[in-house]
Amino acid sequence: MSALISTKLLPRSYEAIRDQIAAIILVEMENQRLLYRDDNLSVSVFCERFGSYDPAEGNVINVVLASGVFDNHSIFTQRDELVYYIDVFTSSSGSILAQGDNRVSVLNHRIVGMVNAIFNDQAYVRLGLANGIIESRRTTNISFSPYPEDNDFVKIGRLTLTVTAHEDFRDGSGTMEAYLNTVVKLSETDKGFKFEIIN
């Protein structure tokens, strides 16, 4: 039997949306760092990162596709209910344990709050994608926890972002990307895929 599909299969919408979320975070957090003139807001952004977090890395954000439910199927289209975890790792130092712990918690809460504000802003009602792809996006949960390796100067914040999208298999419209390869590039590192602003 020979292959019946003669063209390359494009990334599905859940992949493109994941990458778009990461690109938005990088661009907007860098803008906030410049507006506030505060290097404490500097972040490195990854998607589907693997390996442990090293506090020497500074602030790290990792975007992960957690789940997807597909319904309203037709021959050519489907509706996607996608859940993404946006994990924020922060570290701080302090000569007194409580002081360092407090600093890292406050910084983590601040960055998670900024990411939340970015995706609740009307500028990203469609996540920067073409009309007709994104039906809705909403933050459904935030949670905070200490780093599991008993390091009191490292905290993890998790923001859960739920996106409802429409995918059309005929024209690849579900794979439209607004930031990738124009403002942001994706590089493979020893810890996973890292997003970087193109200068």
N, C-alpha and C. Protein backbone atom coordinates (compact mmCIF):
# COMPACT_ATOMS: atom_id res chain seq x y z
N MET A 1 0.85 -1.18 0.00
CA MET A 1 0.00 0.00 0.00
C MET A 1 0.89 1.24 0.00
N SER A 2 0.58 2.19 -0.85
CA SER A 2 1.36 3.44 -0.89
C SER A 2 0.65 4.53 -0.09
N ALA A 3 1.42 5.53 0.31
CA ALA A 3 0.87 6.64 1.10
C ALA A 3 -0.13 7.43 0.27
N LEU A 4 -1.22 7.85 0.92
CA LEU A 4 -2.27 8.62 0.24
C LEU A 4 -2.13 10.11 0.49
N ILE A 5 -1.34 10.51 1.49
CA ILE A 5 -1.15 11.92 1.80
C ILE A 5 0.14 12.37 1.13
N SER A 6 0.03 13.32 0.21
CA SER A 6 1.20 13.72 -0.59
C SER A 6 1.86 15.01 -0.10
N THR A 7 1.32 15.61 0.96
CA THR A 7 1.90 16.85 1.49
C THR A 7 2.38 16.63 2.92
N LYS A 8 3.25 17.54 3.38
CA LYS A 8 3.73 17.46 4.76
C LYS A 8 2.57 17.76 5.72
N LEU A 9 2.49 17.01 6.79
CA LEU A 9 1.47 17.26 7.81
C LEU A 9 1.95 18.40 8.70
N LEU A 10 1.16 19.46 8.75
CA LEU A 10 1.51 20.64 9.54
C LEU A 10 1.26 20.39 11.02
N PRO A 11 1.90 21.16 11.89
CA PRO A 11 1.61 21.03 13.32
C PRO A 11 0.13 21.28 13.59
N ARG A 12 -0.41 20.58 14.55
CA ARG A 12 -1.81 20.77 14.91
C ARG A 12 -1.98 22.06 15.70
N SER A 13 -3.22 22.50 15.84
CA SER A 13 -3.46 23.77 16.50
C SER A 13 -2.95 23.77 17.93
N TYR A 14 -3.06 22.64 18.65
CA TYR A 14 -2.60 22.63 20.04
C TYR A 14 -1.10 22.87 20.15
N GLU A 15 -0.33 22.47 19.14
CA GLU A 15 1.10 22.74 19.13
C GLU A 15 1.37 24.22 18.85
N ALA A 16 0.70 24.76 17.83
CA ALA A 16 0.89 26.16 17.46
C ALA A 16 0.47 27.09 18.58
N ILE A 17 -0.63 26.75 19.26
CA ILE A 17 -1.12 27.60 20.37
C ILE A 17 -0.14 27.55 21.54
N ARG A 18 0.39 26.36 21.85
CA ARG A 18 1.39 26.25 22.91
C ARG A 18 2.58 27.16 22.63
N ASP A 19 3.09 27.09 21.41
CA ASP A 19 4.25 27.91 21.04
C ASP A 19 3.90 29.40 21.04
N GLN A 20 2.69 29.72 20.63
CA GLN A 20 2.26 31.13 20.63
C GLN A 20 2.17 31.66 22.06
N ILE A 21 1.65 30.85 22.98
CA ILE A 21 1.57 31.25 24.39
C ILE A 21 2.97 31.57 24.92
N ALA A 22 3.93 30.69 24.65
CA ALA A 22 5.30 30.92 25.11
C ALA A 22 5.90 32.17 24.50
N ALA A 23 5.66 32.38 23.20
CA ALA A 23 6.20 33.56 22.52
C ALA A 23 5.61 34.84 23.09
N ILE A 24 4.31 34.84 23.37
CA ILE A 24 3.65 36.01 23.97
C ILE A 24 4.27 36.32 25.32
N ILE A 25 4.45 35.29 26.14
CA ILE A 25 5.03 35.52 27.47
C ILE A 25 6.40 36.16 27.36
N LEU A 26 7.24 35.64 26.48
CA LEU A 26 8.59 36.18 26.33
C LEU A 26 8.57 37.64 25.90
N VAL A 27 7.80 37.95 24.87
CA VAL A 27 7.74 39.32 24.35
C VAL A 27 7.18 40.29 25.39
N GLU A 28 6.09 39.91 26.03
CA GLU A 28 5.45 40.83 26.98
C GLU A 28 6.22 40.96 28.29
N MET A 29 6.82 39.88 28.77
CA MET A 29 7.62 40.00 30.00
C MET A 29 8.87 40.83 29.77
N GLU A 30 9.49 40.70 28.59
CA GLU A 30 10.64 41.54 28.28
C GLU A 30 10.21 43.00 28.22
N ASN A 31 9.06 43.28 27.66
CA ASN A 31 8.54 44.65 27.62
C ASN A 31 8.30 45.18 29.03
N GLN A 32 7.74 44.37 29.90
CA GLN A 32 7.50 44.80 31.29
C GLN A 32 8.82 45.05 32.02
N ARG A 33 9.80 44.19 31.76
CA ARG A 33 11.12 44.41 32.38
C ARG A 33 11.67 45.78 31.99
N LEU A 34 11.52 46.13 30.73
CA LEU A 34 12.02 47.42 30.25
C LEU A 34 11.18 48.58 30.81
N LEU A 35 9.87 48.41 30.85
CA LEU A 35 9.00 49.48 31.37
C LEU A 35 9.28 49.76 32.85
N TYR A 36 9.46 48.69 33.62
CA TYR A 36 9.72 48.83 35.05
C TYR A 36 11.20 49.11 35.34
N ARG A 37 12.05 48.89 34.34
CA ARG A 37 13.50 48.99 34.54
C ARG A 37 13.93 48.11 35.71
N ASP A 38 13.45 46.87 35.67
CA ASP A 38 13.65 45.94 36.77
C ASP A 38 14.12 44.60 36.22
N ASP A 39 15.41 44.31 36.38
CA ASP A 39 15.95 43.04 35.89
C ASP A 39 15.46 41.83 36.66
N ASN A 40 14.81 42.05 37.82
CA ASN A 40 14.20 40.94 38.55
C ASN A 40 13.06 40.32 37.77
N LEU A 41 12.55 41.04 36.76
CA LEU A 41 11.45 40.54 35.93
C LEU A 41 11.95 39.82 34.68
N SER A 42 13.25 39.67 34.53
CA SER A 42 13.82 38.96 33.39
C SER A 42 13.47 37.47 33.49
N VAL A 43 13.02 36.88 32.37
CA VAL A 43 12.65 35.46 32.38
C VAL A 43 13.24 34.75 31.18
N SER A 44 13.49 33.47 31.35
CA SER A 44 13.79 32.56 30.24
C SER A 44 12.54 31.73 30.03
N VAL A 45 12.13 31.55 28.77
CA VAL A 45 10.88 30.86 28.48
C VAL A 45 11.15 29.60 27.65
N PHE A 46 10.58 28.50 28.10
CA PHE A 46 10.72 27.20 27.44
C PHE A 46 9.33 26.64 27.14
N CYS A 47 9.29 25.64 26.26
CA CYS A 47 8.08 24.82 26.14
C CYS A 47 8.49 23.37 26.28
N GLU A 48 7.67 22.65 27.04
CA GLU A 48 7.90 21.21 27.27
C GLU A 48 9.32 20.94 27.76
N ARG A 49 9.80 21.79 28.68
CA ARG A 49 11.14 21.67 29.22
C ARG A 49 11.27 20.38 30.04
N PHE A 50 12.47 19.81 30.01
CA PHE A 50 12.74 18.63 30.83
C PHE A 50 13.98 18.92 31.66
N GLY A 51 14.23 18.11 32.65
CA GLY A 51 15.39 18.34 33.51
C GLY A 51 15.03 19.24 34.67
N SER A 52 15.87 19.24 35.68
CA SER A 52 15.58 20.01 36.89
C SER A 52 15.94 21.48 36.71
N TYR A 53 15.37 22.29 37.57
CA TYR A 53 15.61 23.72 37.57
C TYR A 53 16.83 24.03 38.41
N ASP A 54 17.71 24.85 37.90
CA ASP A 54 18.91 25.30 38.61
C ASP A 54 18.68 26.75 39.01
N PRO A 55 18.71 27.08 40.31
CA PRO A 55 18.48 28.46 40.74
C PRO A 55 19.40 29.47 40.06
N ALA A 56 20.56 29.04 39.59
CA ALA A 56 21.47 29.96 38.90
C ALA A 56 20.89 30.45 37.57
N GLU A 57 19.86 29.77 37.07
CA GLU A 57 19.23 30.18 35.81
C GLU A 57 18.39 31.45 35.95
N GLY A 58 18.06 31.82 37.17
CA GLY A 58 17.16 32.96 37.35
C GLY A 58 15.72 32.53 37.18
N ASN A 59 14.88 33.43 36.71
CA ASN A 59 13.46 33.13 36.54
C ASN A 59 13.24 32.34 35.26
N VAL A 60 12.52 31.23 35.38
CA VAL A 60 12.25 30.37 34.23
C VAL A 60 10.74 30.12 34.14
N ILE A 61 10.22 30.21 32.92
CA ILE A 61 8.83 29.88 32.66
C ILE A 61 8.79 28.74 31.65
N ASN A 62 7.98 27.73 31.96
CA ASN A 62 7.85 26.57 31.08
C ASN A 62 6.38 26.39 30.72
N VAL A 63 6.08 26.33 29.42
CA VAL A 63 4.71 26.15 28.94
C VAL A 63 4.54 24.70 28.51
N VAL A 64 3.53 24.04 29.08
CA VAL A 64 3.30 22.61 28.84
C VAL A 64 1.86 22.39 28.40
N LEU A 65 1.68 21.61 27.35
CA LEU A 65 0.34 21.17 26.98
C LEU A 65 -0.06 20.06 27.94
N ALA A 66 -1.10 20.30 28.74
CA ALA A 66 -1.50 19.32 29.75
C ALA A 66 -2.55 18.35 29.23
N SER A 67 -3.52 18.84 28.47
CA SER A 67 -4.56 17.95 27.96
C SER A 67 -5.34 18.63 26.85
N GLY A 68 -6.04 17.82 26.09
CA GLY A 68 -6.91 18.33 25.03
C GLY A 68 -8.11 17.42 24.87
N VAL A 69 -9.28 18.05 24.74
CA VAL A 69 -10.51 17.31 24.49
C VAL A 69 -11.07 17.84 23.18
N PHE A 70 -11.45 16.94 22.28
CA PHE A 70 -11.91 17.34 20.95
C PHE A 70 -13.36 16.92 20.77
N ASP A 71 -14.18 17.87 20.27
CA ASP A 71 -15.58 17.55 20.01
C ASP A 71 -16.06 18.33 18.80
N ASN A 72 -17.37 18.26 18.54
CA ASN A 72 -17.99 18.91 17.38
C ASN A 72 -17.25 18.57 16.09
N HIS A 73 -16.96 17.31 15.93
CA HIS A 73 -16.23 16.86 14.75
C HIS A 73 -17.10 16.92 13.50
N SER A 74 -16.49 17.32 12.42
CA SER A 74 -17.08 17.13 11.10
C SER A 74 -15.98 16.49 10.25
N ILE A 75 -16.21 16.36 8.99
CA ILE A 75 -15.19 15.76 8.13
C ILE A 75 -13.92 16.60 8.14
N PHE A 76 -14.08 17.93 8.21
CA PHE A 76 -12.93 18.82 8.06
C PHE A 76 -12.56 19.63 9.30
N THR A 77 -13.42 19.67 10.31
CA THR A 77 -13.16 20.57 11.44
C THR A 77 -13.40 19.87 12.77
N GLN A 78 -12.88 20.48 13.82
CA GLN A 78 -13.17 20.04 15.18
C GLN A 78 -13.00 21.22 16.12
N ARG A 79 -13.56 21.09 17.31
CA ARG A 79 -13.43 22.09 18.37
C ARG A 79 -12.49 21.50 19.42
N ASP A 80 -11.48 22.29 19.81
CA ASP A 80 -10.48 21.83 20.76
C ASP A 80 -10.64 22.55 22.10
N GLU A 81 -10.68 21.81 23.18
CA GLU A 81 -10.64 22.38 24.53
C GLU A 81 -9.27 22.00 25.10
N LEU A 82 -8.37 22.98 25.15
CA LEU A 82 -6.96 22.72 25.45
C LEU A 82 -6.58 23.31 26.80
N VAL A 83 -5.84 22.55 27.58
CA VAL A 83 -5.37 23.01 28.89
C VAL A 83 -3.85 23.08 28.86
N TYR A 84 -3.32 24.25 29.22
CA TYR A 84 -1.88 24.47 29.27
C TYR A 84 -1.48 24.83 30.69
N TYR A 85 -0.36 24.27 31.14
CA TYR A 85 0.25 24.68 32.40
C TYR A 85 1.37 25.66 32.09
N ILE A 86 1.35 26.78 32.77
CA ILE A 86 2.43 27.75 32.67
C ILE A 86 3.12 27.76 34.03
N ASP A 87 4.26 27.09 34.11
CA ASP A 87 5.00 26.95 35.36
C ASP A 87 6.07 28.03 35.47
N VAL A 88 6.07 28.71 36.60
CA VAL A 88 7.02 29.80 36.85
C VAL A 88 7.94 29.39 37.99
N PHE A 89 9.24 29.33 37.72
CA PHE A 89 10.25 29.00 38.72
C PHE A 89 11.00 30.28 39.06
N THR A 90 11.08 30.59 40.34
CA THR A 90 11.85 31.75 40.78
C THR A 90 12.78 31.35 41.90
N SER A 91 13.88 32.09 42.02
CA SER A 91 14.83 31.83 43.10
C SER A 91 15.28 33.15 43.69
N SER A 92 15.74 33.08 44.91
CA SER A 92 16.22 34.28 45.59
C SER A 92 17.25 33.84 46.62
N SER A 93 18.05 34.79 47.04
CA SER A 93 19.03 34.48 48.09
C SER A 93 18.75 35.37 49.29
N GLY A 94 19.12 34.88 50.45
CA GLY A 94 18.96 35.66 51.67
C GLY A 94 19.82 35.09 52.76
N SER A 95 20.36 35.97 53.59
CA SER A 95 21.21 35.49 54.67
C SER A 95 20.39 34.86 55.78
N ILE A 96 19.12 35.27 55.89
CA ILE A 96 18.22 34.67 56.87
C ILE A 96 17.18 33.87 56.09
N LEU A 97 16.92 32.66 56.49
CA LEU A 97 16.05 31.76 55.76
C LEU A 97 14.71 32.41 55.42
N ALA A 98 14.05 32.98 56.42
CA ALA A 98 12.72 33.55 56.19
C ALA A 98 12.78 34.70 55.19
N GLN A 99 13.85 35.47 55.22
CA GLN A 99 13.98 36.60 54.31
C GLN A 99 14.09 36.12 52.86
N GLY A 100 14.92 35.13 52.63
CA GLY A 100 15.05 34.59 51.28
C GLY A 100 13.76 33.95 50.81
N ASP A 101 13.10 33.22 51.69
CA ASP A 101 11.85 32.55 51.36
C ASP A 101 10.79 33.58 51.00
N ASN A 102 10.73 34.67 51.76
CA ASN A 102 9.75 35.71 51.50
C ASN A 102 10.02 36.39 50.16
N ARG A 103 11.26 36.69 49.87
CA ARG A 103 11.61 37.35 48.61
C ARG A 103 11.21 36.51 47.41
N VAL A 104 11.52 35.23 47.46
CA VAL A 104 11.24 34.38 46.31
C VAL A 104 9.74 34.18 46.13
N SER A 105 8.99 34.12 47.23
CA SER A 105 7.53 33.98 47.12
C SER A 105 6.91 35.22 46.51
N VAL A 106 7.33 36.39 46.97
CA VAL A 106 6.79 37.65 46.44
C VAL A 106 7.11 37.79 44.96
N LEU A 107 8.34 37.46 44.58
CA LEU A 107 8.73 37.53 43.17
C LEU A 107 7.92 36.55 42.32
N ASN A 108 7.73 35.33 42.84
CA ASN A 108 6.96 34.33 42.10
C ASN A 108 5.52 34.80 41.90
N HIS A 109 4.91 35.31 42.97
CA HIS A 109 3.54 35.81 42.87
C HIS A 109 3.45 36.94 41.86
N ARG A 110 4.45 37.81 41.85
CA ARG A 110 4.45 38.95 40.92
C ARG A 110 4.51 38.48 39.46
N ILE A 111 5.40 37.56 39.17
CA ILE A 111 5.54 37.10 37.79
C ILE A 111 4.30 36.32 37.34
N VAL A 112 3.78 35.45 38.21
CA VAL A 112 2.55 34.72 37.86
C VAL A 112 1.41 35.71 37.63
N GLY A 113 1.33 36.74 38.47
CA GLY A 113 0.29 37.75 38.30
C GLY A 113 0.42 38.50 36.98
N MET A 114 1.65 38.79 36.58
CA MET A 114 1.87 39.47 35.32
C MET A 114 1.48 38.59 34.14
N VAL A 115 1.85 37.32 34.20
CA VAL A 115 1.47 36.39 33.13
C VAL A 115 -0.05 36.29 33.05
N ASN A 116 -0.70 36.21 34.20
CA ASN A 116 -2.16 36.17 34.24
C ASN A 116 -2.75 37.42 33.59
N ALA A 117 -2.19 38.59 33.92
CA ALA A 117 -2.68 39.85 33.36
C ALA A 117 -2.48 39.91 31.84
N ILE A 118 -1.38 39.35 31.37
CA ILE A 118 -1.12 39.33 29.92
C ILE A 118 -2.24 38.60 29.19
N PHE A 119 -2.61 37.43 29.69
CA PHE A 119 -3.61 36.63 28.97
C PHE A 119 -5.04 37.07 29.25
N ASN A 120 -5.24 37.95 30.21
CA ASN A 120 -6.56 38.54 30.44
C ASN A 120 -6.71 39.88 29.73
N ASP A 121 -5.64 40.36 29.13
CA ASP A 121 -5.70 41.63 28.41
C ASP A 121 -6.42 41.44 27.08
N GLN A 122 -7.21 42.44 26.70
CA GLN A 122 -7.96 42.37 25.45
C GLN A 122 -7.06 42.25 24.23
N ALA A 123 -5.80 42.67 24.35
CA ALA A 123 -4.87 42.55 23.23
C ALA A 123 -4.67 41.10 22.82
N TYR A 124 -4.92 40.17 23.75
CA TYR A 124 -4.69 38.75 23.46
C TYR A 124 -5.97 37.93 23.51
N VAL A 125 -7.10 38.57 23.20
CA VAL A 125 -8.36 37.83 23.20
C VAL A 125 -8.32 36.68 22.20
N ARG A 126 -7.53 36.83 21.13
CA ARG A 126 -7.35 35.76 20.13
C ARG A 126 -5.93 35.21 20.16
N LEU A 127 -5.19 35.53 21.18
CA LEU A 127 -3.80 35.07 21.33
C LEU A 127 -2.93 35.48 20.14
N GLY A 128 -3.28 36.56 19.49
CA GLY A 128 -2.49 37.05 18.37
C GLY A 128 -2.61 36.21 17.12
N LEU A 129 -3.58 35.30 17.08
CA LEU A 129 -3.78 34.43 15.92
C LEU A 129 -4.90 34.97 15.03
N ALA A 130 -5.04 34.40 13.86
CA ALA A 130 -6.05 34.85 12.90
C ALA A 130 -7.45 34.67 13.46
N ASN A 131 -8.38 35.51 12.99
CA ASN A 131 -9.78 35.40 13.40
C ASN A 131 -10.31 34.01 13.08
N GLY A 132 -11.16 33.50 13.98
CA GLY A 132 -11.81 32.22 13.75
C GLY A 132 -11.11 31.03 14.36
N ILE A 133 -9.91 31.22 14.90
CA ILE A 133 -9.19 30.09 15.50
C ILE A 133 -9.51 29.98 16.99
N ILE A 134 -9.37 31.09 17.72
CA ILE A 134 -9.57 31.09 19.17
C ILE A 134 -11.00 31.51 19.50
N GLU A 135 -11.71 30.64 20.18
CA GLU A 135 -13.06 30.98 20.66
C GLU A 135 -12.98 31.68 22.01
N SER A 136 -12.12 31.17 22.89
CA SER A 136 -11.94 31.80 24.20
C SER A 136 -10.63 31.36 24.82
N ARG A 137 -10.16 32.16 25.76
CA ARG A 137 -9.00 31.80 26.58
C ARG A 137 -9.29 32.33 27.97
N ARG A 138 -8.96 31.54 28.98
CA ARG A 138 -9.26 31.95 30.34
C ARG A 138 -8.33 31.25 31.32
N THR A 139 -7.97 31.97 32.36
CA THR A 139 -7.20 31.39 33.44
C THR A 139 -8.16 30.64 34.34
N THR A 140 -7.92 29.37 34.57
CA THR A 140 -8.85 28.59 35.38
C THR A 140 -8.31 28.25 36.76
N ASN A 141 -6.99 28.48 36.97
CA ASN A 141 -6.43 28.17 38.29
C ASN A 141 -5.02 28.74 38.40
N ILE A 142 -4.65 29.14 39.62
CA ILE A 142 -3.25 29.39 39.93
C ILE A 142 -2.94 28.69 41.24
N SER A 143 -1.72 28.18 41.36
CA SER A 143 -1.30 27.52 42.59
C SER A 143 0.19 27.77 42.80
N PHE A 144 0.62 27.64 44.04
CA PHE A 144 2.02 27.89 44.40
C PHE A 144 2.51 26.78 45.31
N SER A 145 3.79 26.43 45.15
CA SER A 145 4.36 25.39 46.00
C SER A 145 5.87 25.60 46.09
N PRO A 146 6.48 25.07 47.16
CA PRO A 146 7.94 25.12 47.23
C PRO A 146 8.54 24.13 46.24
N TYR A 147 9.78 24.36 45.88
CA TYR A 147 10.47 23.45 44.97
C TYR A 147 10.64 22.11 45.68
N PRO A 148 10.41 20.99 44.99
CA PRO A 148 10.41 19.69 45.67
C PRO A 148 11.75 19.22 46.22
N GLU A 149 12.82 19.92 45.91
CA GLU A 149 14.13 19.46 46.39
C GLU A 149 14.55 20.17 47.69
N ASP A 150 13.55 20.55 48.50
CA ASP A 150 13.80 21.16 49.82
C ASP A 150 14.69 22.39 49.74
N ASN A 151 14.52 23.17 48.74
CA ASN A 151 15.26 24.42 48.61
C ASN A 151 14.31 25.55 48.94
N ASP A 152 14.49 26.18 50.09
CA ASP A 152 13.56 27.22 50.54
C ASP A 152 13.70 28.52 49.76
N PHE A 153 14.69 28.61 48.91
CA PHE A 153 14.86 29.83 48.12
C PHE A 153 14.35 29.66 46.70
N VAL A 154 13.62 28.59 46.43
CA VAL A 154 13.04 28.35 45.11
C VAL A 154 11.54 28.09 45.28
N LYS A 155 10.72 28.76 44.47
CA LYS A 155 9.28 28.55 44.49
C LYS A 155 8.79 28.28 43.07
N ILE A 156 7.68 27.55 43.00
CA ILE A 156 7.03 27.26 41.73
C ILE A 156 5.61 27.80 41.78
N GLY A 157 5.25 28.56 40.77
CA GLY A 157 3.87 29.00 40.60
C GLY A 157 3.34 28.36 39.32
N ARG A 158 2.10 27.91 39.36
CA ARG A 158 1.50 27.32 38.17
C ARG A 158 0.21 28.05 37.84
N LEU A 159 0.14 28.52 36.61
CA LEU A 159 -1.07 29.12 36.08
C LEU A 159 -1.65 28.16 35.06
N THR A 160 -2.92 27.84 35.20
CA THR A 160 -3.59 26.96 34.24
C THR A 160 -4.40 27.81 33.28
N LEU A 161 -4.07 27.70 32.01
CA LEU A 161 -4.73 28.48 30.96
C LEU A 161 -5.52 27.51 30.08
N THR A 162 -6.82 27.75 29.97
CA THR A 162 -7.67 26.91 29.13
C THR A 162 -8.04 27.68 27.88
N VAL A 163 -7.85 27.05 26.74
CA VAL A 163 -8.10 27.69 25.44
C VAL A 163 -9.08 26.83 24.66
N THR A 164 -10.13 27.47 24.15
CA THR A 164 -11.06 26.80 23.25
C THR A 164 -10.76 27.29 21.83
N ALA A 165 -10.50 26.35 20.93
CA ALA A 165 -10.07 26.72 19.59
C ALA A 165 -10.82 25.88 18.56
N HIS A 166 -10.84 26.39 17.33
CA HIS A 166 -11.43 25.67 16.20
C HIS A 166 -10.31 25.30 15.25
N GLU A 167 -10.36 24.10 14.76
CA GLU A 167 -9.33 23.63 13.84
C GLU A 167 -9.97 23.18 12.54
N ASP A 168 -9.43 23.66 11.44
CA ASP A 168 -9.89 23.30 10.11
C ASP A 168 -8.77 22.52 9.43
N PHE A 169 -8.99 21.26 9.15
CA PHE A 169 -7.94 20.40 8.60
C PHE A 169 -7.68 20.65 7.12
N ARG A 170 -8.55 21.38 6.45
CA ARG A 170 -8.41 21.56 5.01
C ARG A 170 -7.29 22.53 4.64
N ASP A 171 -7.15 23.61 5.42
CA ASP A 171 -6.23 24.66 4.99
C ASP A 171 -5.12 24.96 5.98
N GLY A 172 -5.05 24.19 7.05
CA GLY A 172 -3.99 24.43 8.03
C GLY A 172 -4.19 25.69 8.83
N SER A 173 -5.43 26.25 8.85
CA SER A 173 -5.66 27.51 9.55
C SER A 173 -5.38 27.40 11.04
N GLY A 174 -5.48 26.20 11.58
CA GLY A 174 -5.21 26.02 12.99
C GLY A 174 -3.74 26.14 13.35
N THR A 175 -2.88 26.30 12.36
CA THR A 175 -1.45 26.37 12.65
C THR A 175 -0.90 27.77 12.41
N MET A 176 -1.76 28.77 12.25
CA MET A 176 -1.29 30.14 12.03
C MET A 176 -0.47 30.60 13.24
N GLU A 177 0.68 31.17 13.01
CA GLU A 177 1.54 31.64 14.08
C GLU A 177 1.91 33.09 13.83
N ALA A 178 1.68 33.94 14.82
CA ALA A 178 1.91 35.36 14.63
C ALA A 178 3.31 35.80 15.05
N TYR A 179 3.87 35.18 16.08
CA TYR A 179 5.15 35.63 16.62
C TYR A 179 6.34 34.79 16.17
N LEU A 180 6.14 33.50 16.10
CA LEU A 180 7.28 32.64 15.81
C LEU A 180 7.90 32.97 14.45
N ASN A 181 9.21 33.00 14.45
CA ASN A 181 10.00 33.28 13.25
C ASN A 181 9.92 34.72 12.76
N THR A 182 9.17 35.57 13.45
CA THR A 182 9.16 37.00 13.10
C THR A 182 9.73 37.82 14.24
N VAL A 183 9.27 37.58 15.45
CA VAL A 183 9.74 38.31 16.62
C VAL A 183 10.55 37.39 17.54
N VAL A 184 10.17 36.11 17.54
CA VAL A 184 10.74 35.14 18.47
C VAL A 184 11.22 33.92 17.68
N LYS A 185 12.36 33.37 18.11
CA LYS A 185 12.82 32.12 17.50
C LYS A 185 12.87 31.04 18.57
N LEU A 186 12.81 29.82 18.13
CA LEU A 186 12.82 28.66 19.01
C LEU A 186 14.14 27.94 18.82
N SER A 187 14.87 27.75 19.94
CA SER A 187 16.16 27.08 19.89
C SER A 187 16.12 25.83 20.75
N GLU A 188 16.80 24.78 20.30
CA GLU A 188 16.87 23.56 21.09
C GLU A 188 18.08 23.63 22.01
N THR A 189 17.85 23.41 23.31
CA THR A 189 18.93 23.44 24.30
C THR A 189 18.98 22.08 25.00
N ASP A 190 19.94 21.94 25.92
CA ASP A 190 20.04 20.68 26.65
C ASP A 190 18.92 20.50 27.67
N LYS A 191 18.08 21.53 27.87
CA LYS A 191 16.96 21.42 28.79
C LYS A 191 15.62 21.45 28.07
N GLY A 192 15.64 21.56 26.77
CA GLY A 192 14.39 21.61 26.01
C GLY A 192 14.39 22.77 25.04
N PHE A 193 13.22 23.09 24.51
CA PHE A 193 13.08 24.16 23.54
C PHE A 193 12.95 25.51 24.24
N LYS A 194 13.86 26.43 23.94
CA LYS A 194 13.89 27.75 24.57
C LYS A 194 13.53 28.81 23.55
N PHE A 195 12.72 29.76 23.97
CA PHE A 195 12.30 30.86 23.11
C PHE A 195 13.23 32.05 23.33
N GLU A 196 13.61 32.73 22.24
CA GLU A 196 14.49 33.88 22.32
C GLU A 196 13.98 34.96 21.39
N ILE A 197 14.12 36.21 21.81
CA ILE A 197 13.71 37.34 20.99
C ILE A 197 14.74 37.54 19.89
N ILE A 198 14.26 37.76 18.65
CA ILE A 198 15.14 38.02 17.53
C ILE A 198 15.52 39.49 17.54
N ASN A 199 16.80 39.77 17.56
CA ASN A 199 17.26 41.17 17.58
C ASN A 199 17.40 41.69 16.17
